[in-house]
Amino acid sequence: QTRRKLDDASKRLEFLYDKLREQTLSPTITSGLHNIARSIETRNYSEGLTMHTHIVSTSNFSETSAFMPVLKVVLTQANKL
């Protein structure tokens, strides 16, 4: 079961990477993802979670639904550690 969850997470992150490579995400989402990356670099995971919530609440669900849930899981787990 854990392996299945990791495979699903990997697929979702690959989808995100594809969108970033293709530059098909809106500028708002891209900017928010940059902010999340900066919060991860500084190990400020609670700030990353706040930015995650902001992106999800202000963007088109269909544009983010494939990858934002897995980002929340990663940020939540990192915040617990």
Protein backbone atom coordinates (compact mmCIF):
# COMPACT_ATOMS: atom_id res chain seq x y z
CA GLN A 1 0.00 0.00 0.00
CA THR A 2 2.84 2.40 0.80
CA ARG A 3 4.47 1.57 -2.53
CA ARG A 4 1.20 2.35 -4.31
CA LYS A 5 0.96 5.72 -2.57
CA LEU A 6 4.53 6.55 -3.53
CA ASP A 7 3.87 5.58 -7.15
CA ASP A 8 0.79 7.82 -7.21
CA ALA A 9 2.75 10.70 -5.68
CA SER A 10 5.48 10.22 -8.26
CA LYS A 11 2.95 10.34 -11.12
CA ARG A 12 1.37 13.49 -9.74
CA LEU A 13 4.73 15.20 -9.36
CA GLU A 14 5.68 14.16 -12.91
CA PHE A 15 2.48 15.84 -14.09
CA LEU A 16 3.56 19.01 -12.28
CA TYR A 17 7.04 18.81 -13.81
CA ASP A 18 5.50 18.42 -17.27
CA LYS A 19 3.32 21.49 -16.73
CA LEU A 20 6.32 23.50 -15.56
CA ARG A 21 8.46 22.37 -18.52
CA GLU A 22 5.66 23.18 -20.96
CA GLN A 23 5.03 26.51 -19.20
CA THR A 24 1.29 25.87 -19.27
CA LEU A 25 0.48 26.93 -15.70
CA SER A 26 -0.90 30.37 -15.05
CA PRO A 27 1.57 32.99 -13.81
CA THR A 28 -0.23 33.14 -10.47
CA ILE A 29 0.20 29.42 -9.86
CA THR A 30 3.80 29.49 -11.03
CA SER A 31 4.56 32.38 -8.69
CA GLY A 32 2.90 30.54 -5.81
CA LEU A 33 4.93 27.42 -6.55
CA HIS A 34 8.10 29.52 -6.48
CA ASN A 35 7.05 30.81 -3.06
CA ILE A 36 6.45 27.25 -1.86
CA ALA A 37 9.91 26.24 -3.14
CA ARG A 38 11.48 29.16 -1.27
CA SER A 39 9.69 28.17 1.93
CA ILE A 40 11.01 24.61 1.53
CA GLU A 41 14.55 25.90 0.99
CA THR A 42 14.33 27.77 4.30
CA ARG A 43 12.52 24.84 5.98
CA ASN A 44 9.54 27.06 6.72
CA TYR A 45 6.96 24.41 5.91
CA SER A 46 4.09 26.18 7.65
CA GLU A 47 4.60 29.13 5.27
CA GLY A 48 4.57 26.66 2.39
CA LEU A 49 1.28 25.24 3.64
CA THR A 50 -0.16 28.73 3.87
CA MET A 51 0.90 29.44 0.29
CA HIS A 52 -0.54 26.08 -0.78
CA THR A 53 -3.90 27.04 0.72
CA HIS A 54 -3.78 30.39 -1.03
CA ILE A 55 -3.06 28.82 -4.42
CA VAL A 56 -5.81 26.22 -4.04
CA SER A 57 -8.39 28.76 -2.91
CA THR A 58 -7.67 31.34 -5.61
CA SER A 59 -6.96 29.24 -8.69
CA ASN A 60 -8.89 27.09 -11.10
CA PHE A 61 -9.39 23.67 -9.50
CA SER A 62 -8.92 21.83 -12.78
CA GLU A 63 -5.51 23.44 -13.23
CA THR A 64 -4.18 22.34 -9.83
CA SER A 65 -6.12 19.23 -8.80
CA ALA A 66 -3.63 16.79 -10.31
CA PHE A 67 -0.63 17.90 -8.23
CA MET A 68 -1.58 20.20 -5.35
CA PRO A 69 -2.84 17.39 -3.06
CA VAL A 70 0.52 15.63 -3.16
CA LEU A 71 2.34 18.90 -2.46
CA LYS A 72 0.19 19.32 0.64
CA VAL A 73 1.07 15.81 1.81
CA VAL A 74 4.79 16.48 1.33
CA LEU A 75 4.62 19.83 3.12
CA THR A 76 2.54 18.41 5.96
CA GLN A 77 4.92 15.51 6.50
CA ALA A 78 7.95 17.80 6.39
CA ASN A 79 6.29 20.14 8.89
CA LYS A 80 5.77 17.22 11.30
CA LEU A 81 9.45 16.30 11.14
